[in-house]
Protein backbone atom coordinates (compact mmCIF):
# COMPACT_ATOMS: atom_id res chain seq x y z
CA MET A 1 0.06 -0.09 0.01
CA SER A 2 1.12 3.53 -0.91
CA PHE A 3 1.70 5.84 2.10
CA VAL A 4 1.74 9.03 -0.34
CA LYS A 5 -1.78 10.56 -0.92
CA ARG A 6 -1.80 11.25 -4.46
CA GLN A 7 -3.40 14.86 -5.41
CA ILE A 8 -5.09 13.36 -8.59
CA GLU A 9 -7.50 11.25 -6.29
CA GLY A 10 -10.11 14.22 -5.70
CA PRO A 11 -10.29 15.03 -9.45
CA ILE A 12 -10.63 11.14 -10.45
CA ARG A 13 -13.47 10.61 -7.93
CA SER A 14 -15.36 13.92 -8.87
CA LEU A 15 -15.24 12.99 -12.83
CA LEU A 16 -16.44 9.34 -12.12
CA SER A 17 -20.14 9.89 -11.98
CA GLY A 18 -19.87 12.01 -15.40
CA TYR A 19 -18.17 9.96 -17.77
CA PRO A 20 -18.62 6.03 -18.72
CA ILE A 21 -14.93 5.66 -18.93
CA LEU A 22 -12.01 7.32 -17.01
CA ALA A 23 -8.30 6.72 -18.61
CA ILE A 24 -5.18 7.45 -16.69
CA THR A 25 -1.73 7.34 -18.18
CA GLY A 26 1.52 8.10 -17.02
CA PRO A 27 5.00 6.45 -17.40
CA ARG A 28 5.94 3.23 -15.96
CA GLN A 29 5.90 3.08 -12.14
CA SER A 30 4.40 6.37 -11.56
CA GLY A 31 1.79 4.64 -9.43
CA LYS A 32 -1.07 3.91 -11.71
CA THR A 33 -2.09 0.78 -10.55
CA THR A 34 -1.64 1.33 -7.05
CA LEU A 35 -3.59 4.37 -7.00
CA LEU A 36 -6.47 2.48 -8.71
CA LYS A 37 -6.63 -0.38 -6.94
CA GLU A 38 -6.93 1.70 -3.35
CA LEU A 39 -9.08 4.14 -4.94
CA PHE A 40 -11.61 1.56 -6.20
CA PRO A 41 -11.23 -1.93 -4.41
CA GLU A 42 -14.78 -2.90 -5.76
CA TYR A 43 -13.64 -2.86 -9.45
CA ARG A 44 -12.11 -5.90 -10.93
CA TYR A 45 -8.79 -5.37 -12.22
CA VAL A 46 -7.69 -7.02 -15.52
CA SER A 47 -3.85 -6.71 -16.64
CA LEU A 48 -3.42 -6.79 -20.34
CA GLU A 49 0.26 -7.42 -20.08
CA ASN A 50 -1.08 -11.10 -19.01
CA THR A 51 -0.74 -12.99 -22.11
CA ASP A 52 -3.87 -15.04 -21.62
CA GLU A 53 -6.18 -12.21 -21.01
CA ARG A 54 -4.49 -10.34 -24.30
CA PHE A 55 -5.00 -13.23 -25.90
CA PHE A 56 -8.84 -13.52 -24.98
CA ALA A 57 -9.63 -9.79 -25.43
CA GLU A 58 -7.99 -9.87 -28.79
CA GLU A 59 -9.40 -13.32 -30.35
CA ASP A 60 -13.29 -12.65 -28.60
CA PRO A 61 -13.50 -9.04 -27.31
CA ASN A 62 -17.26 -9.40 -27.26
CA GLY A 63 -16.65 -12.54 -24.91
CA PHE A 64 -14.17 -10.60 -23.17
CA LEU A 65 -16.65 -7.76 -22.41
CA ALA A 66 -19.40 -9.82 -21.76
CA LYS A 67 -17.29 -11.44 -18.66
CA TYR A 68 -15.76 -8.06 -17.52
CA ASP A 69 -19.00 -5.93 -18.41
CA GLY A 70 -18.62 -3.33 -15.83
CA LEU A 71 -16.69 -1.76 -12.94
CA VAL A 72 -13.49 -3.08 -14.40
CA ILE A 73 -9.94 -1.68 -14.46
CA PHE A 74 -8.24 -2.56 -17.79
CA ASP A 75 -4.35 -2.00 -17.45
CA GLU A 76 -2.24 -1.62 -20.11
CA VAL A 77 -5.05 -1.19 -22.41
CA GLN A 78 -3.10 0.14 -25.37
CA ARG A 79 -1.86 -3.54 -25.87
CA VAL A 80 -5.40 -4.05 -27.48
CA PRO A 81 -5.96 -1.87 -29.67
CA THR A 82 -9.43 -3.41 -31.13
CA LEU A 83 -10.75 -3.60 -27.86
CA PHE A 84 -11.53 0.34 -27.97
CA SER A 85 -14.25 0.49 -30.23
CA TYR A 86 -16.19 -2.65 -28.43
CA LEU A 87 -15.48 -0.44 -25.25
CA GLN A 88 -17.51 2.55 -27.34
CA THR A 89 -20.67 0.14 -28.21
CA LYS A 90 -20.59 -1.35 -24.52
CA VAL A 91 -20.99 2.29 -22.69
CA ASP A 92 -23.56 3.66 -25.59
CA ALA A 93 -25.93 0.70 -24.94
CA SER A 94 -25.38 0.91 -20.93
CA GLY A 95 -25.47 4.62 -20.37
CA LEU A 96 -23.28 3.64 -17.25
CA MET A 97 -21.38 6.28 -15.72
CA GLY A 98 -17.83 4.88 -14.37
CA GLN A 99 -18.35 1.94 -15.90
CA PHE A 100 -14.48 1.14 -16.88
CA ILE A 101 -11.36 3.04 -15.91
CA LEU A 102 -8.24 2.29 -18.49
CA SER A 103 -4.83 2.82 -17.97
CA GLY A 104 -1.56 2.65 -19.98
CA SER A 105 2.02 3.84 -20.07
CA GLN A 106 2.24 4.63 -23.68
CA ASN A 107 0.40 8.19 -23.88
CA PHE A 108 0.55 8.11 -28.00
CA HIS A 109 -0.99 4.83 -28.48
CA LEU A 110 -3.55 5.23 -25.61
CA LEU A 111 -4.68 8.70 -26.84
CA GLU A 112 -4.71 8.03 -30.32
CA ARG A 113 -7.36 5.18 -29.84
CA ILE A 114 -9.22 7.24 -27.37
CA THR A 115 -9.52 9.91 -30.10
CA GLN A 116 -10.60 7.54 -32.57
CA SER A 117 -13.22 5.65 -30.53
CA LEU A 118 -13.90 7.22 -27.38
CA ALA A 119 -14.09 10.88 -27.85
CA GLY A 120 -16.78 12.28 -25.50
CA ARG A 121 -16.96 9.53 -23.65
CA VAL A 122 -13.73 9.46 -21.59
CA ALA A 123 -12.21 11.79 -18.87
CA LEU A 124 -8.45 12.05 -19.26
CA PHE A 125 -5.93 12.02 -16.70
CA LYS A 126 -2.02 11.83 -16.19
CA LEU A 127 -0.38 10.62 -13.13
CA LEU A 128 3.46 11.32 -13.02
CA PRO A 129 5.78 10.68 -10.38
CA PHE A 130 5.30 12.56 -7.04
CA ASP A 131 5.63 16.08 -7.19
CA SER A 132 6.94 18.16 -4.34
CA GLU A 133 3.36 18.61 -2.51
CA GLU A 134 2.84 15.04 -2.31
CA LEU A 135 6.10 14.60 -0.66
CA SER A 136 5.74 17.14 1.74
CA ASP A 137 2.37 16.09 2.92
CA ALA A 138 3.94 12.59 3.64
CA HIS A 139 7.28 14.14 5.30
CA LEU A 140 9.35 12.80 2.45
CA LEU A 141 10.48 15.91 0.76
CA PRO A 142 14.08 16.14 1.48
CA SER A 143 15.17 19.71 3.08
CA VAL A 144 18.12 20.15 0.41
CA TRP A 145 16.78 20.55 -3.40
CA LYS A 146 20.13 19.24 -4.52
CA ASP A 147 19.41 15.71 -2.88
CA LEU A 148 15.99 15.89 -4.63
CA ILE A 149 17.50 16.34 -7.98
CA ILE A 150 19.44 13.03 -7.56
CA LYS A 151 16.76 11.03 -5.76
CA GLY A 152 14.17 11.92 -8.27
CA PHE A 153 10.33 11.36 -7.45
CA TYR A 154 9.57 7.63 -8.59
CA PRO A 155 7.23 6.24 -5.97
CA ALA A 156 9.43 3.17 -5.56
CA ILE A 157 12.35 4.78 -4.70
CA TYR A 158 10.34 5.83 -1.46
CA ASP A 159 8.18 3.00 -1.10
CA ARG A 160 11.03 0.43 -0.92
CA ASP A 161 13.74 2.96 0.13
CA LEU A 162 15.82 2.13 -2.97
CA ASN A 163 19.10 3.64 -4.12
CA PRO A 164 18.41 5.86 -6.64
CA ALA A 165 21.02 4.81 -9.20
CA VAL A 166 20.09 1.28 -8.82
CA PHE A 167 16.57 2.10 -9.39
CA TYR A 168 16.95 4.14 -12.52
CA ALA A 169 19.76 1.79 -14.27
CA ASN A 170 16.87 -0.99 -14.00
CA TYR A 171 14.24 1.51 -15.03
CA LEU A 172 16.20 2.33 -18.26
CA GLN A 173 16.80 -1.20 -19.15
CA THR A 174 12.92 -2.43 -18.66
CA TYR A 175 11.66 0.93 -20.46
CA ILE A 176 14.10 0.31 -23.28
CA ASP A 177 13.05 -3.32 -23.35
CA ARG A 178 9.49 -2.90 -23.03
CA ASP A 179 7.94 0.40 -24.18
CA VAL A 180 10.81 1.33 -27.05
CA SER A 181 10.29 -1.91 -28.50
CA ALA A 182 6.82 -1.74 -28.87
CA LEU A 183 6.57 1.76 -29.90
CA ALA A 184 9.08 1.66 -32.65
CA ASN A 185 11.53 -0.62 -34.72
CA ILE A 186 14.56 0.49 -33.44
CA HIS A 187 17.85 -1.74 -34.19
CA ASP A 188 20.62 -0.13 -32.01
CA MET A 189 19.39 -0.12 -28.53
CA ARG A 190 22.72 1.50 -27.20
CA LEU A 191 22.55 4.17 -29.67
CA PHE A 192 19.06 5.06 -28.66
CA ARG A 193 20.27 4.96 -25.11
CA SER A 194 22.90 7.59 -26.08
CA PHE A 195 20.26 9.53 -27.49
CA ILE A 196 18.69 9.63 -24.36
CA GLY A 197 21.78 10.73 -22.50
CA LEU A 198 22.22 13.85 -25.35
CA CYS A 199 18.69 14.94 -24.40
CA ALA A 200 19.72 14.96 -20.71
CA ALA A 201 22.68 17.15 -21.42
CA ARG A 202 20.43 19.41 -23.07
CA ILE A 203 17.70 20.03 -20.47
CA GLY A 204 16.46 23.68 -20.08
CA GLN A 205 17.83 24.43 -23.75
CA LEU A 206 16.11 25.07 -27.05
CA LEU A 207 15.48 22.19 -29.21
CA ASN A 208 17.84 21.89 -31.90
CA LEU A 209 16.96 18.48 -33.39
CA SER A 210 19.90 19.04 -36.24
CA ASN A 211 22.59 19.33 -33.75
CA LEU A 212 21.00 16.45 -31.64
CA ALA A 213 20.89 14.30 -34.91
CA LEU A 214 24.62 14.98 -35.47
CA ALA A 215 25.88 14.56 -31.83
CA CYS A 216 24.04 10.93 -31.80
CA GLY A 217 25.24 10.31 -35.55
CA ILE A 218 21.60 9.42 -36.75
CA SER A 219 19.17 11.35 -39.32
CA GLN A 220 17.17 14.47 -38.28
CA PRO A 221 13.84 12.42 -38.87
CA THR A 222 15.15 9.76 -36.54
CA ALA A 223 15.57 12.12 -34.13
CA LYS A 224 12.52 13.67 -34.40
CA SER A 225 10.96 10.05 -34.29
CA TRP A 226 13.02 9.03 -31.20
CA LEU A 227 12.15 12.19 -29.49
CA SER A 228 8.30 11.70 -30.13
CA ILE A 229 9.22 8.36 -28.21
CA LEU A 230 10.24 9.74 -25.32
CA GLU A 231 7.49 12.04 -25.20
CA SER A 232 4.90 9.51 -25.97
CA SER A 233 6.44 7.56 -22.59
CA PHE A 234 6.59 10.37 -20.70
CA ILE A 235 10.72 10.76 -20.31
CA VAL A 236 10.41 14.00 -21.80
CA HIS A 237 8.71 17.24 -22.23
CA LEU A 238 8.91 19.84 -24.83
CA LEU A 239 8.06 23.17 -23.25
CA PRO A 240 6.18 25.51 -26.30
CA PRO A 241 7.37 28.83 -26.90
CA TYR A 242 4.74 31.52 -26.60
CA TYR A 243 4.52 33.17 -29.87
CA GLU A 244 2.96 36.43 -29.52
CA ASN A 245 5.98 38.89 -30.28
CA PHE A 246 4.96 42.26 -28.99
CA ASN A 247 7.03 43.86 -32.02
CA LYS A 248 10.08 41.79 -31.44
CA ARG A 249 11.65 38.81 -33.30
CA ILE A 250 10.91 35.67 -31.11
CA ILE A 251 12.13 32.38 -30.83
CA LYS A 252 9.74 29.53 -32.14
CA ALA A 253 11.82 26.61 -30.81
CA PRO A 254 10.59 24.38 -27.83
CA LYS A 255 12.46 23.78 -24.77
CA LEU A 256 13.50 20.34 -23.36
CA TYR A 257 13.08 19.00 -20.11
CA PHE A 258 12.92 15.82 -18.30
CA TYR A 259 9.62 14.88 -16.26
CA ASP A 260 12.13 13.47 -13.60
CA THR A 261 15.37 14.85 -12.59
CA GLY A 262 16.55 11.90 -10.83
CA LEU A 263 16.57 10.22 -14.44
CA ALA A 264 18.37 12.91 -16.02
CA SER A 265 20.96 12.94 -13.06
CA PHE A 266 21.53 9.16 -13.85
CA LEU A 267 22.13 9.85 -17.56
CA LEU A 268 24.48 12.49 -16.83
CA GLY A 269 26.68 10.21 -14.64
CA LEU A 270 25.56 12.25 -11.42
CA ARG A 271 25.23 9.74 -8.39
CA GLN A 272 25.42 11.92 -5.30
CA THR A 273 24.94 15.41 -4.52
CA SER A 274 28.67 16.17 -4.36
CA ASP A 275 28.60 15.41 -7.99
CA LEU A 276 26.66 18.69 -8.57
CA ASP A 277 29.44 21.06 -8.70
CA ASP A 278 29.40 22.30 -12.55
CA PRO A 279 27.27 25.97 -11.92
CA SER A 280 25.67 25.74 -15.47
CA LEU A 281 24.74 22.10 -15.05
CA ILE A 282 23.16 23.02 -11.32
CA GLY A 283 21.02 26.09 -13.01
CA SER A 284 19.62 23.76 -15.76
CA LEU A 285 18.83 20.94 -13.44
CA PHE A 286 17.40 23.57 -10.57
CA GLU A 287 15.08 24.81 -13.68
CA ASN A 288 13.99 21.49 -14.59
CA LEU A 289 13.31 20.56 -11.00
CA VAL A 290 11.01 23.70 -10.68
CA VAL A 291 9.30 23.31 -14.14
CA ALA A 292 8.69 19.79 -13.90
CA ASP A 293 7.16 19.84 -10.72
CA ILE A 294 4.73 22.98 -11.62
CA LEU A 295 3.69 20.76 -14.51
CA LYS A 296 3.05 17.67 -12.43
CA LYS A 297 0.82 19.52 -9.92
CA ASN A 298 -1.19 21.04 -13.09
CA HIS A 299 -2.15 17.64 -14.12
CA HIS A 300 -2.17 16.01 -10.64
CA GLN A 301 -4.60 18.82 -9.26
CA TYR A 302 -6.58 18.74 -12.49
CA GLN A 303 -5.54 22.68 -13.12
CA LEU A 304 -6.11 22.48 -17.14
CA GLN A 305 -3.34 25.15 -17.07
CA ASP A 306 -1.15 25.70 -20.36
CA TYR A 307 2.18 26.65 -19.88
CA TRP A 308 4.96 28.35 -22.01
CA PHE A 309 8.40 29.91 -22.00
CA TRP A 310 9.18 33.39 -23.99
CA ARG A 311 12.55 34.44 -25.29
CA ASP A 312 13.58 37.02 -28.12
CA SER A 313 16.00 37.06 -30.49
CA HIS A 314 17.91 39.81 -28.08
CA GLY A 315 17.93 37.01 -25.70
CA HIS A 316 15.34 38.45 -23.14
CA GLU A 317 13.58 35.43 -21.37
CA ILE A 318 10.88 34.38 -19.67
CA ASP A 319 11.30 30.86 -17.88
CA LEU A 320 7.73 30.20 -17.39
CA LEU A 321 4.49 31.98 -18.24
CA THR A 322 0.62 31.16 -18.04
CA LYS A 323 -2.55 33.19 -18.76
CA ARG A 324 -4.62 34.33 -16.09
CA GLY A 325 -7.86 36.57 -16.46
CA GLY A 326 -6.48 38.34 -19.88
CA GLY A 327 -3.08 38.63 -18.50
CA PHE A 328 0.03 36.68 -17.61
CA ASP A 329 1.94 35.08 -14.41
CA VAL A 330 5.53 35.14 -15.19
CA PHE A 331 8.05 32.94 -13.19
CA GLU A 332 12.04 33.43 -13.33
CA ILE A 333 13.76 30.28 -12.00
CA LYS A 334 17.24 30.67 -10.42
CA SER A 335 19.12 28.50 -8.50
CA THR A 336 21.00 30.83 -6.58
CA GLN A 337 20.29 31.42 -2.51
CA THR A 338 20.90 35.13 -3.16
CA ILE A 339 18.08 37.47 -4.27
CA LEU A 340 19.95 40.15 -6.47
CA PRO A 341 18.05 43.08 -8.25
CA LYS A 342 18.90 41.97 -11.74
CA LEU A 343 17.29 38.80 -11.50
CA PHE A 344 13.72 40.58 -11.74
CA ASN A 345 14.82 42.31 -15.15
CA GLY A 346 13.56 39.75 -17.61
CA MET A 347 9.80 39.94 -15.68
CA ASP A 348 9.96 43.75 -15.93
CA TYR A 349 10.87 43.86 -19.39
CA PHE A 350 8.27 41.30 -20.16
CA SER A 351 5.83 43.57 -18.34
CA GLU A 352 6.71 46.68 -20.25
CA ILE A 353 6.79 45.37 -23.98
CA SER A 354 3.15 43.25 -22.84
CA LYS A 355 1.86 46.87 -21.74
CA GLY A 356 0.99 45.85 -18.38
CA LYS A 357 -0.74 42.40 -19.22
CA VAL A 358 1.52 40.65 -16.42
CA LYS A 359 -0.75 40.15 -13.31
CA ALA A 360 2.22 38.60 -10.99
CA LYS A 361 5.97 38.27 -11.28
CA THR A 362 7.43 35.33 -9.42
CA LEU A 363 11.01 34.61 -8.98
CA ILE A 364 11.65 30.93 -7.86
CA TYR A 365 14.95 30.25 -6.49
CA GLY A 366 17.01 27.94 -4.15
CA GLY A 367 16.88 29.66 -0.84
CA ASN A 368 14.86 29.12 2.24
CA ASP A 369 12.98 32.59 2.51
CA SER A 370 9.23 32.86 0.79
CA HIS A 371 7.96 36.47 1.12
CA ASP A 372 6.31 39.29 -1.06
CA ARG A 373 7.53 42.39 -2.59
CA THR A 374 5.57 45.29 -3.80
CA SER A 375 6.04 44.06 -7.26
CA TYR A 376 7.05 40.51 -7.16
CA ARG A 377 6.62 37.58 -5.26
CA VAL A 378 9.55 35.55 -3.75
CA ARG A 379 9.01 31.74 -3.35
CA THR A 380 11.41 29.04 -2.30
CA TRP A 381 11.75 25.76 -4.51
CA LYS A 382 9.29 23.92 -2.13
CA GLU A 383 6.51 26.57 -2.90
CA GLY A 384 7.12 27.38 -6.43
CA GLY A 385 4.37 25.41 -7.79
CA LEU A 386 1.65 26.79 -5.39
CA THR A 387 2.14 30.40 -6.55
CA ILE A 388 -0.67 29.87 -9.15
CA HIS A 389 -3.11 29.57 -6.57
CA GLU A 390 -2.26 32.64 -4.78
């Protein structure tokens, strides 16, 4: 049993009576199965990783759904794509809400089938590794953010007190053997592993597919395909740029982040906090830590916010922004523990060129003191993701 309460529990329960099907996606070992079994003990659980169950569903979907006709959790449901159209027929005929709960670890395949067959009939959720608020509520959040960067957020590390390096080594092997082989026909898995490492070395940077392909020794179309695989399996996230240019030339490439800093750190050869001695690396990892945490809270709390970054051709940049009430909330993210006036310059510049549309300016930093100033909010890394509620 998990001892960390997941924030997504409330949103899932609230929509159970409004949709015939709920679907929960997320990376492997993010806690989907544990969560669903604990939330819905009255539901039967069927894993379509099980060869017998999968063969039954593939060969006789009508018979399969006659046996599992309601209050059922189908895990790794993307393994039987033909099942989706039968589920549509089933829920349309019954009219029951909360009849089926689907889960899967391959976002692309699952969403593709839902879009084709179940549009309007399903409520979608993403369960990612723990966020900082969940760890804090369970009294598991490290007091030093550098420790958290190395440890990461995957539940097994906390539930079973695993060494992060051992966990991530096995996680990568499992991911490559199972998910990657199912998503694409990749002949050289060692080259793909190298590609993941090259992505980790570029966290917080603008995506340059040509450069990435050249560094890995693959074609640009191959790099694009492999990056799509990493996105689909919740390894990386591409943060889109905000396009409104305010009469300035803007950058239109997305920025690359990992959903989990522990995995990124492992790929970079970082095994302990003392390995974090490169100032440029620290800044990128801290930025990744904060951005990923905000994105996870957005999904877990079902806030339905969109996030972007903004940068113009002169190097002016906003690390993170979201829209609110016809204006913007903007965020500057810095690992420093010392607050200097220059840290607010980027937000002030954006406020000026957007003609006063900025509603809140927040500095998220590596220190321990949160406070409000006349024109700014200063928040620690522990509280950075909470600012959107204020």
